[in-house]
Amino acid sequence: MINQFQYLAERKSIPIIEKIPPELIDLMIQTDSLKLHQILTNLLGNALKFTTEGFIEMGLEKHPDGVLFFIRDTGIGISAEQMDRVFDRFYQVDSTYTRRFEGAGIGLSLCKGMVELLGGKIRVESEVGKGSKFAFILPEAPR
């Protein structure tokens, strides 16, 4: 998964760090692998798009409700006012006419929809200028 982003990450000198505890290396969950791949691809792509220095972490953790997946970056961050809308369709954090970052503003709303279809929940923590952490929990078996 990370391999498809490695070239761009290296060009930007942004390391992508995997954070997977040893006991979860061989973890298997029952879910739609295409949707899970698309969610992770969108979140990792956004992290790389909005991070110009620092690093990106991608990992997972055991959670009482299933498995928690996360993407953390040291990018531009999201203000408290914008966090309420970040999962809205066509909403963009940088929506000015001369914005620096391209995109249609549907990636995060699609992620939210797919996570919910898989029986999970997604959330974001962020601070402007310090980065963001997107995390979602999926049940280990379909509900």
C-alpha atoms as a PDB file:
ATOM      1  CA  MET A   1       0.000   0.000   0.000  1.00  0.00           C
ATOM      2  CA  ILE A   2       2.665   2.485   1.030  1.00  0.00           C
ATOM      3  CA  ASN A   3       4.761   1.520  -1.994  1.00  0.00           C
ATOM      4  CA  GLN A   4       2.463   3.389  -4.390  1.00  0.00           C
ATOM      5  CA  PHE A   5       3.216   6.633  -2.502  1.00  0.00           C
ATOM      6  CA  GLN A   6       6.916   6.027  -1.861  1.00  0.00           C
ATOM      7  CA  TYR A   7       8.207   7.809  -4.977  1.00  0.00           C
ATOM      8  CA  LEU A   8       6.299  11.037  -4.291  1.00  0.00           C
ATOM      9  CA  ALA A   9       7.169  10.870  -0.589  1.00  0.00           C
ATOM     10  CA  GLU A  10      10.870  10.541  -1.421  1.00  0.00           C
ATOM     11  CA  ARG A  11      10.671  13.460  -3.873  1.00  0.00           C
ATOM     12  CA  LYS A  12       9.196  15.601  -1.083  1.00  0.00           C
ATOM     13  CA  SER A  13      11.655  14.166   1.496  1.00  0.00           C
ATOM     14  CA  ILE A  14       8.696  13.050   3.632  1.00  0.00           C
ATOM     15  CA  PRO A  15       9.201   9.673   5.293  1.00  0.00           C
ATOM     16  CA  ILE A  16       6.164   7.418   5.625  1.00  0.00           C
ATOM     17  CA  ILE A  17       6.444   5.447   8.844  1.00  0.00           C
ATOM     18  CA  GLU A  18       4.461   2.271   9.461  1.00  0.00           C
ATOM     19  CA  LYS A  19       3.265   1.850  13.053  1.00  0.00           C
ATOM     20  CA  ILE A  20       1.996  -1.695  13.387  1.00  0.00           C
ATOM     21  CA  PRO A  21       2.489  -3.511  16.691  1.00  0.00           C
ATOM     22  CA  PRO A  22       4.163  -6.921  16.232  1.00  0.00           C
ATOM     23  CA  GLU A  23       1.098  -8.754  17.538  1.00  0.00           C
ATOM     24  CA  LEU A  24      -1.008  -7.199  14.739  1.00  0.00           C
ATOM     25  CA  ILE A  25       1.316  -7.908  11.789  1.00  0.00           C
ATOM     26  CA  ASP A  26      -0.722 -10.959  10.726  1.00  0.00           C
ATOM     27  CA  LEU A  27      -4.111  -9.541  11.732  1.00  0.00           C
ATOM     28  CA  MET A  28      -6.971 -10.489   9.456  1.00  0.00           C
ATOM     29  CA  ILE A  29     -10.336  -8.772   9.526  1.00  0.00           C
ATOM     30  CA  GLN A  30     -13.455  -9.627   7.580  1.00  0.00           C
ATOM     31  CA  THR A  31     -14.251  -6.569   5.466  1.00  0.00           C
ATOM     32  CA  ASP A  32     -14.430  -5.279   1.915  1.00  0.00           C
ATOM     33  CA  SER A  33     -10.750  -5.089   0.982  1.00  0.00           C
ATOM     34  CA  LEU A  34     -11.369  -2.755  -1.977  1.00  0.00           C
ATOM     35  CA  LYS A  35     -13.173  -0.208   0.199  1.00  0.00           C
ATOM     36  CA  LEU A  36     -10.510  -0.465   2.902  1.00  0.00           C
ATOM     37  CA  HIS A  37      -7.785   0.066   0.295  1.00  0.00           C
ATOM     38  CA  GLN A  38      -9.620   3.096  -1.140  1.00  0.00           C
ATOM     39  CA  ILE A  39     -10.067   4.654   2.316  1.00  0.00           C
ATOM     40  CA  LEU A  40      -6.383   4.246   3.147  1.00  0.00           C
ATOM     41  CA  THR A  41      -5.343   5.454  -0.311  1.00  0.00           C
ATOM     42  CA  ASN A  42      -7.453   8.630   0.025  1.00  0.00           C
ATOM     43  CA  LEU A  43      -6.214   9.401   3.533  1.00  0.00           C
ATOM     44  CA  LEU A  44      -2.570   8.702   2.715  1.00  0.00           C
ATOM     45  CA  GLY A  45      -2.826  10.720  -0.509  1.00  0.00           C
ATOM     46  CA  ASN A  46      -4.255  13.681   1.412  1.00  0.00           C
ATOM     47  CA  ALA A  47      -1.552  13.429   4.062  1.00  0.00           C
ATOM     48  CA  LEU A  48       1.101  13.511   1.373  1.00  0.00           C
ATOM     49  CA  LYS A  49      -0.613  16.363  -0.493  1.00  0.00           C
ATOM     50  CA  PHE A  50      -0.858  18.607   2.590  1.00  0.00           C
ATOM     51  CA  THR A  51       2.525  17.788   4.158  1.00  0.00           C
ATOM     52  CA  THR A  52       5.559  19.728   2.925  1.00  0.00           C
ATOM     53  CA  GLU A  53       7.942  18.833   5.735  1.00  0.00           C
ATOM     54  CA  GLY A  54       8.074  16.416   8.628  1.00  0.00           C
ATOM     55  CA  PHE A  55       6.628  12.915   8.329  1.00  0.00           C
ATOM     56  CA  ILE A  56       3.559  10.762   7.862  1.00  0.00           C
ATOM     57  CA  GLU A  57       2.631   7.822  10.076  1.00  0.00           C
ATOM     58  CA  MET A  58       0.292   5.060   9.007  1.00  0.00           C
ATOM     59  CA  GLY A  59      -0.700   2.320  11.379  1.00  0.00           C
ATOM     60  CA  LEU A  60      -3.217   0.327  13.276  1.00  0.00           C
ATOM     61  CA  GLU A  61      -4.058  -0.544  16.847  1.00  0.00           C
ATOM     62  CA  LYS A  62      -6.352  -2.967  18.609  1.00  0.00           C
ATOM     63  CA  HIS A  63      -9.512  -1.233  19.860  1.00  0.00           C
ATOM     64  CA  PRO A  64     -12.411  -2.529  22.000  1.00  0.00           C
ATOM     65  CA  ASP A  65     -14.759  -2.033  19.015  1.00  0.00           C
ATOM     66  CA  GLY A  66     -12.451  -3.651  16.449  1.00  0.00           C
ATOM     67  CA  VAL A  67      -9.347  -2.333  14.732  1.00  0.00           C
ATOM     68  CA  LEU A  68      -8.310   1.331  14.664  1.00  0.00           C
ATOM     69  CA  PHE A  69      -6.518   2.462  11.498  1.00  0.00           C
ATOM     70  CA  PHE A  70      -4.812   5.850  11.451  1.00  0.00           C
ATOM     71  CA  ILE A  71      -2.922   8.263   9.229  1.00  0.00           C
ATOM     72  CA  ARG A  72      -1.072  11.066  11.052  1.00  0.00           C
ATOM     73  CA  ASP A  73       0.829  13.863   9.316  1.00  0.00           C
ATOM     74  CA  THR A  74       2.754  17.019  10.109  1.00  0.00           C
ATOM     75  CA  GLY A  75       0.995  18.971   7.377  1.00  0.00           C
ATOM     76  CA  ILE A  76      -0.936  22.230   7.292  1.00  0.00           C
ATOM     77  CA  GLY A  77      -3.607  21.103   9.743  1.00  0.00           C
ATOM     78  CA  ILE A  78      -7.281  21.999   9.963  1.00  0.00           C
ATOM     79  CA  SER A  79      -8.828  24.752  12.067  1.00  0.00           C
ATOM     80  CA  ALA A  80     -11.471  23.968  14.686  1.00  0.00           C
ATOM     81  CA  GLU A  81     -14.081  25.808  12.593  1.00  0.00           C
ATOM     82  CA  GLN A  82     -13.293  23.695   9.536  1.00  0.00           C
ATOM     83  CA  MET A  83     -13.211  20.339  11.322  1.00  0.00           C
ATOM     84  CA  ASP A  84     -17.019  20.264  11.585  1.00  0.00           C
ATOM     85  CA  ARG A  85     -17.240  20.384   7.790  1.00  0.00           C
ATOM     86  CA  VAL A  86     -14.189  18.424   6.685  1.00  0.00           C
ATOM     87  CA  PHE A  87     -16.267  15.312   5.837  1.00  0.00           C
ATOM     88  CA  ASP A  88     -18.872  17.313   3.865  1.00  0.00           C
ATOM     89  CA  ARG A  89     -19.022  16.628   0.139  1.00  0.00           C
ATOM     90  CA  PHE A  90     -17.189  19.260  -1.978  1.00  0.00           C
ATOM     91  CA  TYR A  91     -15.847  21.057   1.105  1.00  0.00           C
ATOM     92  CA  GLN A  92     -12.184  22.026   0.929  1.00  0.00           C
ATOM     93  CA  VAL A  93     -10.049  23.405   3.716  1.00  0.00           C
ATOM     94  CA  ASP A  94      -8.183  25.591   1.216  1.00  0.00           C
ATOM     95  CA  SER A  95     -11.099  26.840  -0.888  1.00  0.00           C
ATOM     96  CA  THR A  96      -9.665  30.167  -1.978  1.00  0.00           C
ATOM     97  CA  TYR A  97      -9.543  30.982  -5.664  1.00  0.00           C
ATOM     98  CA  THR A  98      -5.761  30.659  -5.721  1.00  0.00           C
ATOM     99  CA  ARG A  99      -5.563  27.616  -3.476  1.00  0.00           C
ATOM    100  CA  ARG A 100      -2.309  25.705  -3.412  1.00  0.00           C
ATOM    101  CA  PHE A 101      -3.756  22.200  -3.316  1.00  0.00           C
ATOM    102  CA  GLU A 102      -5.803  20.543  -6.041  1.00  0.00           C
ATOM    103  CA  GLY A 103      -8.812  18.309  -5.568  1.00  0.00           C
ATOM    104  CA  ALA A 104     -12.577  18.214  -5.848  1.00  0.00           C
ATOM    105  CA  GLY A 105     -13.326  18.028  -2.135  1.00  0.00           C
ATOM    106  CA  ILE A 106     -15.033  14.645  -2.209  1.00  0.00           C
ATOM    107  CA  GLY A 107     -12.289  12.319  -0.939  1.00  0.00           C
ATOM    108  CA  LEU A 108     -13.005  12.674   2.779  1.00  0.00           C
ATOM    109  CA  SER A 109     -16.779  12.451   2.330  1.00  0.00           C
ATOM    110  CA  LEU A 110     -16.250   9.251   0.323  1.00  0.00           C
ATOM    111  CA  CYS A 111     -13.993   7.903   3.084  1.00  0.00           C
ATOM    112  CA  LYS A 112     -16.658   8.641   5.682  1.00  0.00           C
ATOM    113  CA  GLY A 113     -19.328   6.937   3.601  1.00  0.00           C
ATOM    114  CA  MET A 114     -17.210   3.839   2.994  1.00  0.00           C
ATOM    115  CA  VAL A 115     -16.167   3.561   6.653  1.00  0.00           C
ATOM    116  CA  GLU A 116     -19.816   3.753   7.691  1.00  0.00           C
ATOM    117  CA  LEU A 117     -20.802   1.154   5.051  1.00  0.00           C
ATOM    118  CA  LEU A 118     -18.218  -1.157   6.616  1.00  0.00           C
ATOM    119  CA  GLY A 119     -19.818  -0.653  10.037  1.00  0.00           C
ATOM    120  CA  GLY A 120     -17.191   1.747  11.362  1.00  0.00           C
ATOM    121  CA  LYS A 121     -16.662   5.319  12.467  1.00  0.00           C
ATOM    122  CA  ILE A 122     -14.129   7.917  11.339  1.00  0.00           C
ATOM    123  CA  ARG A 123     -12.814  10.973  13.167  1.00  0.00           C
ATOM    124  CA  VAL A 124     -10.185  13.673  12.806  1.00  0.00           C
ATOM    125  CA  GLU A 125      -7.916  15.503  15.230  1.00  0.00           C
ATOM    126  CA  SER A 126      -5.948  18.449  13.963  1.00  0.00           C
ATOM    127  CA  GLU A 127      -4.177  21.680  14.756  1.00  0.00           C
ATOM    128  CA  VAL A 128      -3.361  24.362  12.219  1.00  0.00           C
ATOM    129  CA  GLY A 129       0.335  24.313  11.349  1.00  0.00           C
ATOM    130  CA  LYS A 130       0.972  21.089  13.265  1.00  0.00           C
ATOM    131  CA  GLY A 131      -0.808  18.419  11.272  1.00  0.00           C
ATOM    132  CA  SER A 132      -3.758  16.068  11.361  1.00  0.00           C
ATOM    133  CA  LYS A 133      -4.670  12.574  12.433  1.00  0.00           C
ATOM    134  CA  PHE A 134      -7.472  10.736  10.686  1.00  0.00           C
ATOM    135  CA  ALA A 135      -8.536   7.556  12.428  1.00  0.00           C
ATOM    136  CA  PHE A 136     -11.276   5.060  11.776  1.00  0.00           C
ATOM    137  CA  ILE A 137     -12.426   1.953  13.566  1.00  0.00           C
ATOM    138  CA  LEU A 138     -13.701  -1.103  11.720  1.00  0.00           C
ATOM    139  CA  PRO A 139     -15.241  -4.108  13.393  1.00  0.00           C
ATOM    140  CA  GLU A 140     -13.195  -7.306  13.027  1.00  0.00           C
ATOM    141  CA  ALA A 141     -16.233  -9.054  11.541  1.00  0.00           C
ATOM    142  CA  PRO A 142     -19.146  -7.572   9.569  1.00  0.00           C
ATOM    143  CA  ARG A 143     -22.181  -6.579  11.609  1.00  0.00           C
END
